[in-house]
């Protein structure tokens, strides 16, 4: 029947009793499958994570500059990883680092929401902020 119609006989499920076959144009089937996969890939969104690094005694001007960048990243739709890096003996200023990150979270409240509160991992105190959904 497939030869008469000038199409291909394609085995759909070989393990079934009896095996299931379908008469179709196999090249067209592969083309449509690639096209569908490409559409699905185009619709899926990639999550981008931007990083902002602070020191425990970051100056006011530097903080404002980095806050504006963080706001821009969140408006673009990227996730934000803000961290305070403690060099050498500056680890004694853990509280200042935590206060700095919490202040950043409070300043970015209207454009993003805190995903993970500040956590100390080795010499870094890390906090994640994700963008709020647009209405």
N, C-alpha and C. Protein backbone atom coordinates (compact mmCIF):
# COMPACT_ATOMS: atom_id res chain seq x y z
N UNK A 1 0.83 -1.20 0.00
CA UNK A 1 0.00 0.00 0.00
C UNK A 1 0.87 1.26 0.00
N UNK A 2 1.98 1.23 0.77
CA UNK A 2 2.87 2.38 0.85
C UNK A 2 3.52 2.64 -0.52
N UNK A 3 3.93 1.56 -1.23
CA UNK A 3 4.53 1.73 -2.55
C UNK A 3 3.54 2.32 -3.55
N UNK A 4 2.30 1.89 -3.47
CA UNK A 4 1.27 2.41 -4.37
C UNK A 4 1.07 3.91 -4.18
N UNK A 5 1.10 4.36 -2.92
CA UNK A 5 0.90 5.78 -2.61
C UNK A 5 2.21 6.59 -2.69
N UNK A 6 3.33 5.89 -2.99
CA UNK A 6 4.67 6.49 -3.05
C UNK A 6 5.04 7.19 -1.74
N UNK A 7 4.74 6.50 -0.64
CA UNK A 7 5.08 6.99 0.70
C UNK A 7 5.93 5.93 1.41
N UNK A 8 6.27 6.20 2.68
CA UNK A 8 7.11 5.29 3.45
C UNK A 8 6.26 4.56 4.50
N UNK A 9 6.64 3.31 4.78
CA UNK A 9 6.00 2.54 5.84
C UNK A 9 6.90 2.68 7.07
N UNK A 10 6.39 3.37 8.11
CA UNK A 10 7.18 3.67 9.31
C UNK A 10 6.65 2.87 10.48
N UNK A 11 7.57 2.18 11.19
CA UNK A 11 7.19 1.39 12.36
C UNK A 11 7.11 2.34 13.56
N UNK A 12 5.92 2.47 14.14
CA UNK A 12 5.69 3.40 15.25
C UNK A 12 6.09 2.79 16.59
N UNK A 13 5.54 1.62 16.93
CA UNK A 13 5.92 0.96 18.18
C UNK A 13 6.20 -0.52 17.89
N UNK A 14 7.49 -0.88 17.87
CA UNK A 14 7.87 -2.25 17.51
C UNK A 14 7.55 -3.28 18.60
N UNK A 15 7.39 -2.85 19.86
CA UNK A 15 7.16 -3.78 20.96
C UNK A 15 5.70 -4.21 21.10
N UNK A 16 4.79 -3.55 20.41
CA UNK A 16 3.37 -3.88 20.54
C UNK A 16 3.07 -5.19 19.80
N UNK A 17 1.97 -5.83 20.18
CA UNK A 17 1.51 -7.06 19.53
C UNK A 17 0.20 -6.80 18.82
N UNK A 18 0.10 -6.80 17.55
CA UNK A 18 1.16 -6.82 16.53
C UNK A 18 1.84 -5.45 16.43
N UNK A 19 3.07 -5.36 15.85
CA UNK A 19 3.77 -4.07 15.73
C UNK A 19 2.93 -3.05 14.97
N UNK A 20 2.97 -1.79 15.45
CA UNK A 20 2.15 -0.73 14.84
C UNK A 20 2.98 0.00 13.79
N UNK A 21 2.42 0.12 12.59
CA UNK A 21 3.08 0.81 11.49
C UNK A 21 2.16 1.89 10.94
N UNK A 22 2.76 2.88 10.26
CA UNK A 22 1.98 3.98 9.73
C UNK A 22 2.53 4.33 8.35
N UNK A 23 1.65 4.66 7.43
CA UNK A 23 2.07 5.07 6.10
C UNK A 23 2.14 6.59 6.09
N UNK A 24 3.37 7.12 5.83
CA UNK A 24 3.55 8.57 5.83
C UNK A 24 4.79 8.94 5.03
N UNK A 25 4.94 10.23 4.77
CA UNK A 25 6.15 10.75 4.13
C UNK A 25 7.16 11.02 5.25
N UNK A 26 8.17 10.17 5.37
CA UNK A 26 9.09 10.21 6.51
C UNK A 26 9.92 11.49 6.54
N UNK A 27 10.38 11.94 5.37
CA UNK A 27 11.18 13.18 5.32
C UNK A 27 10.36 14.38 5.81
N UNK A 28 9.09 14.43 5.41
CA UNK A 28 8.21 15.52 5.85
C UNK A 28 7.99 15.43 7.36
N UNK A 29 7.84 14.21 7.87
CA UNK A 29 7.66 13.99 9.31
C UNK A 29 8.86 14.52 10.09
N UNK A 30 10.09 14.20 9.64
CA UNK A 30 11.30 14.68 10.30
C UNK A 30 11.39 16.20 10.25
N UNK A 31 11.04 16.77 9.09
CA UNK A 31 11.07 18.23 8.93
C UNK A 31 10.11 18.91 9.92
N UNK A 32 8.90 18.39 10.01
CA UNK A 32 7.90 18.97 10.92
C UNK A 32 8.34 18.82 12.38
N UNK A 33 8.97 17.71 12.71
CA UNK A 33 9.44 17.49 14.08
C UNK A 33 10.54 18.50 14.43
N UNK A 34 11.47 18.74 13.51
CA UNK A 34 12.53 19.73 13.73
C UNK A 34 11.92 21.12 13.90
N UNK A 35 10.93 21.43 13.08
CA UNK A 35 10.27 22.73 13.13
C UNK A 35 9.59 22.93 14.49
N UNK A 36 8.91 21.89 14.98
CA UNK A 36 8.22 21.95 16.26
C UNK A 36 9.22 22.13 17.41
N UNK A 37 10.33 21.39 17.36
CA UNK A 37 11.38 21.51 18.39
C UNK A 37 11.97 22.91 18.41
N UNK A 38 12.16 23.49 17.22
CA UNK A 38 12.72 24.84 17.12
C UNK A 38 11.77 25.87 17.73
N UNK A 39 10.47 25.71 17.48
CA UNK A 39 9.46 26.62 18.06
C UNK A 39 9.45 26.52 19.58
N UNK A 40 9.51 25.31 20.11
CA UNK A 40 9.52 25.12 21.56
C UNK A 40 10.76 25.75 22.17
N UNK A 41 11.90 25.61 21.50
CA UNK A 41 13.14 26.19 22.00
C UNK A 41 13.06 27.71 22.00
N UNK A 42 12.44 28.28 20.98
CA UNK A 42 12.31 29.74 20.89
C UNK A 42 11.40 30.28 21.98
N UNK A 43 10.38 29.51 22.35
CA UNK A 43 9.44 29.97 23.38
C UNK A 43 10.00 29.86 24.79
N UNK A 44 10.95 28.93 24.99
CA UNK A 44 11.51 28.77 26.33
C UNK A 44 12.44 29.94 26.64
N UNK A 45 12.46 30.34 27.91
CA UNK A 45 13.29 31.47 28.31
C UNK A 45 14.51 30.99 29.07
N UNK A 46 15.63 31.65 28.81
CA UNK A 46 16.86 31.33 29.51
C UNK A 46 16.96 32.21 30.74
N UNK A 47 17.37 31.62 31.86
CA UNK A 47 17.52 32.39 33.09
C UNK A 47 18.97 32.87 33.17
N UNK A 48 19.13 34.19 33.23
CA UNK A 48 20.45 34.78 33.29
C UNK A 48 20.68 35.25 34.72
N UNK A 49 21.85 34.92 35.27
CA UNK A 49 22.18 35.36 36.62
C UNK A 49 23.32 36.37 36.54
N UNK A 50 23.04 37.58 37.02
CA UNK A 50 24.04 38.64 37.06
C UNK A 50 24.57 38.72 38.49
N UNK A 51 25.85 39.06 38.63
CA UNK A 51 26.46 39.14 39.95
C UNK A 51 26.88 40.56 40.28
N UNK A 52 26.70 40.93 41.54
CA UNK A 52 27.18 42.21 42.05
C UNK A 52 27.98 41.93 43.31
N UNK A 53 29.19 42.46 43.36
CA UNK A 53 30.10 42.18 44.47
C UNK A 53 30.31 43.44 45.31
N UNK A 54 30.21 43.26 46.60
CA UNK A 54 30.45 44.34 47.56
C UNK A 54 31.60 43.93 48.48
N UNK A 55 32.19 44.93 49.12
CA UNK A 55 33.11 44.69 50.22
C UNK A 55 32.35 45.01 51.50
N UNK A 56 32.82 44.57 52.66
CA UNK A 56 32.08 44.84 53.90
C UNK A 56 31.97 46.33 54.22
N UNK A 57 32.94 47.14 53.77
CA UNK A 57 32.88 48.57 54.04
C UNK A 57 32.74 49.36 52.74
N UNK A 58 31.77 48.95 51.91
CA UNK A 58 31.53 49.64 50.64
C UNK A 58 31.04 51.05 50.91
N UNK A 59 31.62 52.01 50.20
CA UNK A 59 31.29 53.43 50.35
C UNK A 59 29.89 53.72 49.81
N UNK A 60 29.29 54.82 50.23
CA UNK A 60 27.92 55.19 49.84
C UNK A 60 27.79 55.35 48.32
N UNK A 61 28.75 56.05 47.69
CA UNK A 61 28.68 56.27 46.25
C UNK A 61 28.76 54.95 45.48
N UNK A 62 29.69 54.08 45.88
CA UNK A 62 29.83 52.77 45.24
C UNK A 62 28.56 51.94 45.41
N UNK A 63 27.99 52.01 46.60
CA UNK A 63 26.75 51.28 46.87
C UNK A 63 25.64 51.76 45.93
N UNK A 64 25.47 53.07 45.79
CA UNK A 64 24.41 53.63 44.93
C UNK A 64 24.63 53.22 43.47
N UNK A 65 25.88 53.25 43.02
CA UNK A 65 26.22 52.86 41.65
C UNK A 65 25.83 51.40 41.40
N UNK A 66 26.19 50.53 42.33
CA UNK A 66 25.89 49.11 42.18
C UNK A 66 24.40 48.83 42.33
N UNK A 67 23.72 49.60 43.18
CA UNK A 67 22.27 49.45 43.34
C UNK A 67 21.56 49.78 42.02
N UNK A 68 22.01 50.85 41.34
CA UNK A 68 21.40 51.22 40.06
C UNK A 68 21.61 50.13 39.01
N UNK A 69 22.82 49.55 39.00
CA UNK A 69 23.08 48.44 38.08
C UNK A 69 22.19 47.25 38.40
N UNK A 70 22.04 46.94 39.68
CA UNK A 70 21.20 45.82 40.10
C UNK A 70 19.76 46.05 39.67
N UNK A 71 19.28 47.28 39.81
CA UNK A 71 17.92 47.62 39.40
C UNK A 71 17.75 47.42 37.90
N UNK A 72 18.76 47.82 37.14
CA UNK A 72 18.73 47.66 35.68
C UNK A 72 18.67 46.17 35.31
N UNK A 73 19.49 45.35 35.98
CA UNK A 73 19.51 43.91 35.71
C UNK A 73 18.14 43.29 35.98
N UNK A 74 17.51 43.67 37.10
CA UNK A 74 16.22 43.11 37.46
C UNK A 74 15.13 43.55 36.48
N UNK A 75 15.20 44.79 36.00
CA UNK A 75 14.22 45.27 35.02
C UNK A 75 14.37 44.55 33.69
N UNK A 76 15.60 44.12 33.37
CA UNK A 76 15.83 43.35 32.14
C UNK A 76 15.27 41.93 32.26
N UNK A 77 15.03 41.49 33.51
CA UNK A 77 14.49 40.15 33.72
C UNK A 77 15.53 39.13 34.18
N UNK A 78 16.73 39.58 34.51
CA UNK A 78 17.78 38.68 34.99
C UNK A 78 17.67 38.49 36.50
N UNK A 79 18.13 37.33 36.96
CA UNK A 79 18.22 37.12 38.41
C UNK A 79 19.48 37.82 38.89
N UNK A 80 19.51 38.15 40.17
CA UNK A 80 20.65 38.87 40.72
C UNK A 80 21.26 38.07 41.86
N UNK A 81 22.58 37.94 41.82
CA UNK A 81 23.32 37.29 42.91
C UNK A 81 24.20 38.38 43.51
N UNK A 82 23.81 38.87 44.66
CA UNK A 82 24.58 39.92 45.34
C UNK A 82 25.39 39.24 46.44
N UNK A 83 26.67 39.59 46.50
CA UNK A 83 27.48 39.00 47.57
C UNK A 83 28.51 39.98 48.10
N UNK A 84 28.81 39.78 49.38
CA UNK A 84 29.85 40.55 50.05
C UNK A 84 31.03 39.61 50.20
N UNK A 85 32.18 40.06 49.69
CA UNK A 85 33.39 39.24 49.76
C UNK A 85 34.28 39.75 50.88
N UNK A 86 34.60 38.87 51.80
CA UNK A 86 35.44 39.24 52.95
C UNK A 86 36.88 38.82 52.67
N UNK A 87 37.80 39.81 52.63
CA UNK A 87 39.22 39.53 52.40
C UNK A 87 39.94 39.45 53.75
N UNK A 88 40.82 38.52 53.88
CA UNK A 88 41.66 38.43 55.07
C UNK A 88 40.89 38.46 56.38
N UNK A 89 41.22 39.44 57.22
CA UNK A 89 40.59 39.52 58.54
C UNK A 89 39.28 40.32 58.54
N UNK A 90 38.85 40.77 57.37
CA UNK A 90 37.60 41.55 57.31
C UNK A 90 36.38 40.69 57.63
N UNK A 91 36.58 39.39 57.84
CA UNK A 91 35.48 38.48 58.19
C UNK A 91 34.85 38.88 59.52
N UNK A 92 35.56 39.69 60.32
CA UNK A 92 34.99 40.13 61.60
C UNK A 92 33.84 41.11 61.39
N UNK A 93 33.67 41.62 60.16
CA UNK A 93 32.59 42.56 59.86
C UNK A 93 31.38 41.86 59.23
N UNK A 94 31.09 40.65 59.67
CA UNK A 94 29.95 39.89 59.11
C UNK A 94 28.65 40.67 59.20
N UNK A 95 28.44 41.33 60.34
CA UNK A 95 27.18 42.08 60.55
C UNK A 95 27.05 43.20 59.53
N UNK A 96 28.16 43.90 59.24
CA UNK A 96 28.12 44.99 58.25
C UNK A 96 27.75 44.45 56.87
N UNK A 97 28.29 43.29 56.53
CA UNK A 97 27.97 42.67 55.24
C UNK A 97 26.50 42.31 55.15
N UNK A 98 25.97 41.75 56.23
CA UNK A 98 24.56 41.36 56.24
C UNK A 98 23.66 42.59 56.18
N UNK A 99 24.01 43.64 56.90
CA UNK A 99 23.24 44.89 56.87
C UNK A 99 23.25 45.47 55.46
N UNK A 100 24.39 45.41 54.78
CA UNK A 100 24.52 45.93 53.42
C UNK A 100 23.60 45.18 52.46
N UNK A 101 23.58 43.85 52.55
CA UNK A 101 22.74 43.05 51.66
C UNK A 101 21.26 43.26 51.96
N UNK A 102 20.90 43.36 53.22
CA UNK A 102 19.50 43.58 53.58
C UNK A 102 19.03 44.97 53.12
N UNK A 103 19.94 45.94 53.19
CA UNK A 103 19.62 47.29 52.70
C UNK A 103 19.39 47.26 51.19
N UNK A 104 20.23 46.49 50.47
CA UNK A 104 20.05 46.34 49.02
C UNK A 104 18.70 45.71 48.71
N UNK A 105 18.33 44.68 49.47
CA UNK A 105 17.05 44.01 49.27
C UNK A 105 15.89 44.98 49.50
N UNK A 106 16.03 45.82 50.50
CA UNK A 106 14.98 46.78 50.81
C UNK A 106 14.88 47.85 49.71
N UNK A 107 16.02 48.29 49.19
CA UNK A 107 16.03 49.31 48.13
C UNK A 107 15.47 48.77 46.82
N UNK A 108 15.63 47.47 46.57
CA UNK A 108 15.16 46.87 45.32
C UNK A 108 13.80 46.20 45.46
N UNK A 109 13.10 46.51 46.54
CA UNK A 109 11.83 45.85 46.85
C UNK A 109 10.79 45.99 45.75
N UNK A 110 10.73 47.16 45.07
CA UNK A 110 9.68 47.35 44.07
C UNK A 110 9.98 46.65 42.74
N UNK A 111 11.25 46.32 42.45
CA UNK A 111 11.56 45.65 41.18
C UNK A 111 11.90 44.17 41.34
N UNK A 112 12.24 43.74 42.55
CA UNK A 112 12.60 42.34 42.75
C UNK A 112 12.22 41.84 44.12
N UNK A 113 12.18 40.51 44.23
CA UNK A 113 11.88 39.92 45.54
C UNK A 113 13.03 39.00 45.95
N UNK A 114 13.29 38.96 47.24
CA UNK A 114 14.40 38.16 47.77
C UNK A 114 14.05 36.69 47.66
N UNK A 115 14.92 35.95 47.00
CA UNK A 115 14.71 34.52 46.83
C UNK A 115 15.38 33.74 47.97
N UNK A 116 16.56 34.22 48.38
CA UNK A 116 17.28 33.59 49.48
C UNK A 116 17.92 34.68 50.33
N UNK A 117 17.70 34.63 51.62
CA UNK A 117 18.27 35.62 52.53
C UNK A 117 19.79 35.44 52.59
N UNK A 118 20.52 36.47 53.08
CA UNK A 118 21.99 36.38 53.13
C UNK A 118 22.48 35.18 53.93
N UNK A 119 23.37 34.41 53.30
CA UNK A 119 23.96 33.22 53.93
C UNK A 119 25.47 33.30 53.76
N UNK A 120 26.19 33.01 54.82
CA UNK A 120 27.65 33.05 54.78
C UNK A 120 28.17 31.70 54.29
N UNK A 121 28.90 31.72 53.16
CA UNK A 121 29.51 30.51 52.62
C UNK A 121 31.00 30.78 52.46
N UNK A 122 31.79 30.29 53.37
CA UNK A 122 33.23 30.53 53.33
C UNK A 122 33.53 32.00 53.58
N UNK A 123 34.14 32.67 52.61
CA UNK A 123 34.47 34.09 52.76
C UNK A 123 33.47 34.98 52.03
N UNK A 124 32.34 34.42 51.62
CA UNK A 124 31.32 35.18 50.91
C UNK A 124 29.99 35.11 51.63
N UNK A 125 29.26 36.22 51.64
CA UNK A 125 27.90 36.23 52.13
C UNK A 125 27.02 36.48 50.90
N UNK A 126 26.18 35.50 50.57
CA UNK A 126 25.45 35.52 49.30
C UNK A 126 23.95 35.69 49.52
N UNK A 127 23.32 36.45 48.60
CA UNK A 127 21.87 36.64 48.62
C UNK A 127 21.38 36.66 47.17
N UNK A 128 20.25 35.98 46.89
CA UNK A 128 19.68 35.94 45.56
C UNK A 128 18.40 36.78 45.51
N UNK A 129 18.25 37.56 44.43
CA UNK A 129 17.05 38.37 44.21
C UNK A 129 16.55 38.06 42.81
N UNK A 130 15.25 37.76 42.69
CA UNK A 130 14.67 37.49 41.38
C UNK A 130 13.73 38.64 40.99
N UNK A 131 13.59 38.90 39.70
CA UNK A 131 12.72 40.00 39.26
C UNK A 131 11.25 39.70 39.53
N UNK A 132 10.48 40.75 39.81
CA UNK A 132 9.03 40.57 39.99
C UNK A 132 8.40 40.42 38.62
N UNK A 133 7.31 39.68 38.56
CA UNK A 133 6.59 39.48 37.32
C UNK A 133 5.92 40.77 36.89
N UNK A 134 5.97 41.05 35.58
CA UNK A 134 5.32 42.25 35.05
C UNK A 134 3.84 41.98 34.89
N UNK A 135 3.02 42.99 35.21
CA UNK A 135 1.57 42.82 35.12
C UNK A 135 1.06 43.35 33.80
